[in-house]
Amino acid sequence: MKRQSWYAVTAVVVVAVLALAVTVVVQAQGPGGNRAGQGPGPVGGRIIAPRGPMCPTAVFMPLPLQRMQQIFAELELSPEQQTKAMDLVKACQDKLAKIRSESHPVQDLVIEMKANPTDATKVQNLANQAIKQEGSILQAELEMWLALDKMLTPKQQVRFWELVFATRPMGPPAADGATQRGLTPPPPPPPSQ
């Protein structure tokens, strides 16, 4: 009996973490939302500090091709470097699309959690699949970033990482409703009398 309750507690914790990650990603991709790397840039010239737990697959998600091209232009890459860099980014995006299209364990996990009765064994299996998929995504992202880093000169490497991480929101939105950029939300309207 203790083992079953341990599995149930573990499953609930895993589902909560995955649900939080999905919520953050969905909110960031919604209308007017900020996907990683698509914001206007650092606020007041400073990098936004983390406000909470970070989803590694979101932090290391490749930037949009247009932004990557801008970064490569700013780094003054040679034509060979630029071609190789764009090939690495496109290959990573293709690999990520393939990984994500193979299965949808998080959605299946949410469906199973809503089922009555919930099958704890199925929940645990789906959670393990989701963790494995997220691990594959993170591995593909890191392989791309490391390959890009390796092809740059030491001076380009320093500037590259400054540009890549300067505009990324770090962590979920603040509990007080502050925006992705860490700005203070407008004050509530005065109470009507």
Protein backbone atom coordinates (compact mmCIF):
# COMPACT_ATOMS: atom_id res chain seq x y z
CA MET A 1 0.00 0.00 0.00
CA LYS A 2 2.86 2.40 0.84
CA ARG A 3 4.44 1.78 -2.54
CA GLN A 4 1.21 2.67 -4.38
CA SER A 5 0.82 5.92 -2.48
CA TRP A 6 4.48 6.75 -3.19
CA TYR A 7 3.82 6.22 -6.91
CA ALA A 8 0.70 8.37 -6.73
CA VAL A 9 2.55 11.21 -4.95
CA THR A 10 5.44 10.96 -7.41
CA ALA A 11 3.04 10.99 -10.34
CA VAL A 12 1.21 14.04 -9.01
CA VAL A 13 4.49 15.93 -8.50
CA VAL A 14 5.73 15.05 -11.99
CA VAL A 15 2.40 16.04 -13.52
CA ALA A 16 2.43 19.33 -11.63
CA VAL A 17 5.92 20.16 -12.88
CA LEU A 18 5.05 19.21 -16.45
CA ALA A 19 1.75 21.10 -16.30
CA LEU A 20 3.61 24.20 -15.09
CA ALA A 21 6.09 23.87 -17.95
CA VAL A 22 3.29 23.43 -20.50
CA THR A 23 1.38 26.40 -19.05
CA VAL A 24 4.44 28.64 -19.28
CA VAL A 25 5.13 27.60 -22.87
CA VAL A 26 1.48 27.99 -23.92
CA GLN A 27 1.21 31.42 -22.29
CA ALA A 28 4.44 32.52 -23.90
CA GLN A 29 3.23 31.39 -27.31
CA GLY A 30 -0.21 32.91 -26.98
CA PRO A 31 -1.29 36.15 -28.67
CA GLY A 32 1.02 38.92 -27.59
CA GLY A 33 3.09 36.47 -25.57
CA ASN A 34 6.84 36.43 -25.50
CA ARG A 35 8.45 33.26 -26.67
CA ALA A 36 11.99 32.75 -25.52
CA GLY A 37 14.21 35.16 -27.38
CA GLN A 38 11.43 37.17 -29.03
CA GLY A 39 11.13 40.01 -26.58
CA PRO A 40 12.29 43.56 -27.12
CA GLY A 41 15.56 42.99 -25.28
CA PRO A 42 16.94 43.62 -21.85
CA VAL A 43 15.08 46.10 -19.69
CA GLY A 44 17.10 49.21 -18.97
CA GLY A 45 20.25 47.53 -20.28
CA ARG A 46 20.19 44.74 -17.68
CA ILE A 47 19.59 41.06 -18.06
CA ILE A 48 16.43 39.80 -16.39
CA ALA A 49 17.20 37.57 -13.41
CA PRO A 50 15.36 34.29 -12.86
CA ARG A 51 12.15 34.57 -10.85
CA GLY A 52 11.55 30.90 -10.30
CA PRO A 53 12.23 27.44 -11.65
CA MET A 54 13.31 27.43 -15.28
CA CYS A 55 12.27 24.94 -17.91
CA PRO A 56 15.58 23.90 -19.52
CA THR A 57 14.00 23.05 -22.86
CA ALA A 58 12.54 26.57 -23.06
CA VAL A 59 15.75 28.30 -21.96
CA PHE A 60 17.81 26.51 -24.61
CA MET A 61 15.20 26.58 -27.38
CA PRO A 62 16.77 27.81 -30.62
CA LEU A 63 15.94 31.41 -31.37
CA PRO A 64 13.88 32.14 -34.50
CA LEU A 65 15.94 31.93 -37.70
CA GLN A 66 15.65 35.66 -38.32
CA ARG A 67 17.07 36.45 -34.86
CA MET A 68 19.88 33.92 -35.32
CA GLN A 69 20.76 35.55 -38.66
CA GLN A 70 20.92 38.94 -36.91
CA ILE A 71 23.23 37.53 -34.25
CA PHE A 72 25.47 35.93 -36.88
CA ALA A 73 25.62 39.22 -38.79
CA GLU A 74 26.51 41.12 -35.62
CA LEU A 75 29.28 38.61 -34.91
CA GLU A 76 30.64 39.24 -38.41
CA LEU A 77 30.88 35.53 -39.20
CA SER A 78 32.75 34.49 -42.28
CA PRO A 79 30.57 33.16 -45.11
CA GLU A 80 31.66 29.60 -44.24
CA GLN A 81 30.83 30.12 -40.56
CA GLN A 82 27.47 31.64 -41.45
CA THR A 83 26.53 28.73 -43.73
CA LYS A 84 27.58 26.16 -41.13
CA ALA A 85 25.77 28.03 -38.35
CA MET A 86 22.50 28.26 -40.28
CA ASP A 87 22.74 24.57 -41.19
CA LEU A 88 23.17 23.70 -37.49
CA VAL A 89 20.15 25.80 -36.48
CA LYS A 90 17.92 24.38 -39.22
CA ALA A 91 19.00 20.80 -38.45
CA CYS A 92 18.20 21.33 -34.78
CA GLN A 93 14.78 22.79 -35.54
CA ASP A 94 14.02 19.81 -37.82
CA LYS A 95 15.14 17.37 -35.12
CA LEU A 96 12.99 19.11 -32.50
CA ALA A 97 9.95 19.05 -34.79
CA LYS A 98 10.45 15.32 -35.33
CA ILE A 99 10.80 14.61 -31.59
CA ARG A 100 7.66 16.61 -30.79
CA SER A 101 5.63 15.01 -33.56
CA GLU A 102 6.38 11.42 -32.52
CA SER A 103 4.20 11.49 -29.41
CA HIS A 104 2.38 13.84 -27.07
CA PRO A 105 2.89 12.36 -23.60
CA VAL A 106 2.10 15.56 -21.70
CA GLN A 107 -1.33 15.90 -23.31
CA ASP A 108 -1.96 12.18 -22.74
CA LEU A 109 -0.85 12.62 -19.13
CA VAL A 110 -3.31 15.46 -18.56
CA ILE A 111 -6.12 13.39 -20.08
CA GLU A 112 -5.26 10.45 -17.83
CA MET A 113 -5.12 12.67 -14.75
CA LYS A 114 -8.65 13.86 -15.54
CA ALA A 115 -9.91 10.29 -16.01
CA ASN A 116 -12.09 8.81 -13.33
CA PRO A 117 -10.61 6.64 -11.96
CA THR A 118 -7.04 7.68 -12.70
CA ASP A 119 -4.73 4.76 -13.46
CA ALA A 120 -1.57 5.42 -11.40
CA THR A 121 0.49 2.97 -13.46
CA LYS A 122 -0.53 4.66 -16.71
CA VAL A 123 0.21 8.08 -15.20
CA GLN A 124 3.69 6.95 -14.17
CA ASN A 125 4.38 5.48 -17.63
CA LEU A 126 3.19 8.66 -19.37
CA ALA A 127 5.25 10.79 -16.98
CA ASN A 128 8.33 8.71 -17.80
CA GLN A 129 7.63 9.15 -21.53
CA ALA A 130 7.27 12.92 -21.07
CA ILE A 131 10.52 13.10 -19.12
CA LYS A 132 12.29 11.07 -21.82
CA GLN A 133 10.90 13.33 -24.57
CA GLU A 134 11.96 16.48 -22.72
CA GLY A 135 15.41 14.96 -22.23
CA SER A 136 15.69 14.28 -25.97
CA ILE A 137 14.64 17.86 -26.73
CA LEU A 138 17.18 19.30 -24.30
CA GLN A 139 19.93 17.06 -25.70
CA ALA A 140 19.23 18.21 -29.27
CA GLU A 141 19.22 21.86 -28.19
CA LEU A 142 22.48 21.56 -26.27
CA GLU A 143 24.18 19.74 -29.15
CA MET A 144 23.33 22.65 -31.44
CA TRP A 145 24.52 25.32 -28.99
CA LEU A 146 27.78 23.48 -28.31
CA ALA A 147 28.42 22.99 -32.04
CA LEU A 148 27.81 26.71 -32.62
CA ASP A 149 30.12 27.63 -29.75
CA LYS A 150 32.87 25.33 -31.07
CA MET A 151 32.92 26.96 -34.53
CA LEU A 152 33.36 30.51 -33.17
CA THR A 153 36.52 32.34 -32.25
CA PRO A 154 37.00 33.08 -28.52
CA LYS A 155 35.99 36.72 -29.03
CA GLN A 156 32.89 35.68 -31.02
CA GLN A 157 31.98 33.14 -28.31
CA VAL A 158 31.81 35.81 -25.60
CA ARG A 159 29.64 38.12 -27.68
CA PHE A 160 27.51 35.22 -28.95
CA TRP A 161 26.43 34.15 -25.47
CA GLU A 162 25.75 37.75 -24.47
CA LEU A 163 23.43 38.14 -27.45
CA VAL A 164 21.72 34.77 -27.11
CA PHE A 165 20.83 35.04 -23.44
CA ALA A 166 20.31 38.80 -23.17
CA THR A 167 16.73 38.68 -24.44
CA ARG A 168 15.48 35.43 -22.94
CA PRO A 169 12.85 35.47 -20.22
CA MET A 170 14.18 33.37 -17.38
CA GLY A 171 11.55 31.46 -15.43
CA PRO A 172 7.79 31.63 -15.25
CA PRO A 173 5.84 34.88 -14.94
CA ALA A 174 5.98 36.38 -11.47
CA ALA A 175 3.13 35.51 -9.11
CA ASP A 176 2.28 39.21 -8.73
CA GLY A 177 1.33 39.43 -12.41
CA ALA A 178 4.47 41.21 -13.59
CA THR A 179 5.16 40.78 -17.27
CA GLN A 180 7.83 38.56 -18.82
CA ARG A 181 10.19 41.52 -18.89
CA GLY A 182 10.05 42.07 -15.14
CA LEU A 183 8.13 45.34 -15.36
CA THR A 184 5.75 46.38 -12.64
CA PRO A 185 2.11 45.90 -13.66
CA PRO A 186 -0.14 48.97 -13.64
CA PRO A 187 -1.84 49.68 -10.34
CA PRO A 188 -5.41 48.43 -9.96
CA PRO A 189 -8.14 50.97 -10.63
CA PRO A 190 -9.42 52.83 -7.56
CA PRO A 191 -12.51 51.27 -5.98
CA SER A 192 -15.72 52.80 -7.25
CA GLN A 193 -17.97 54.47 -4.73
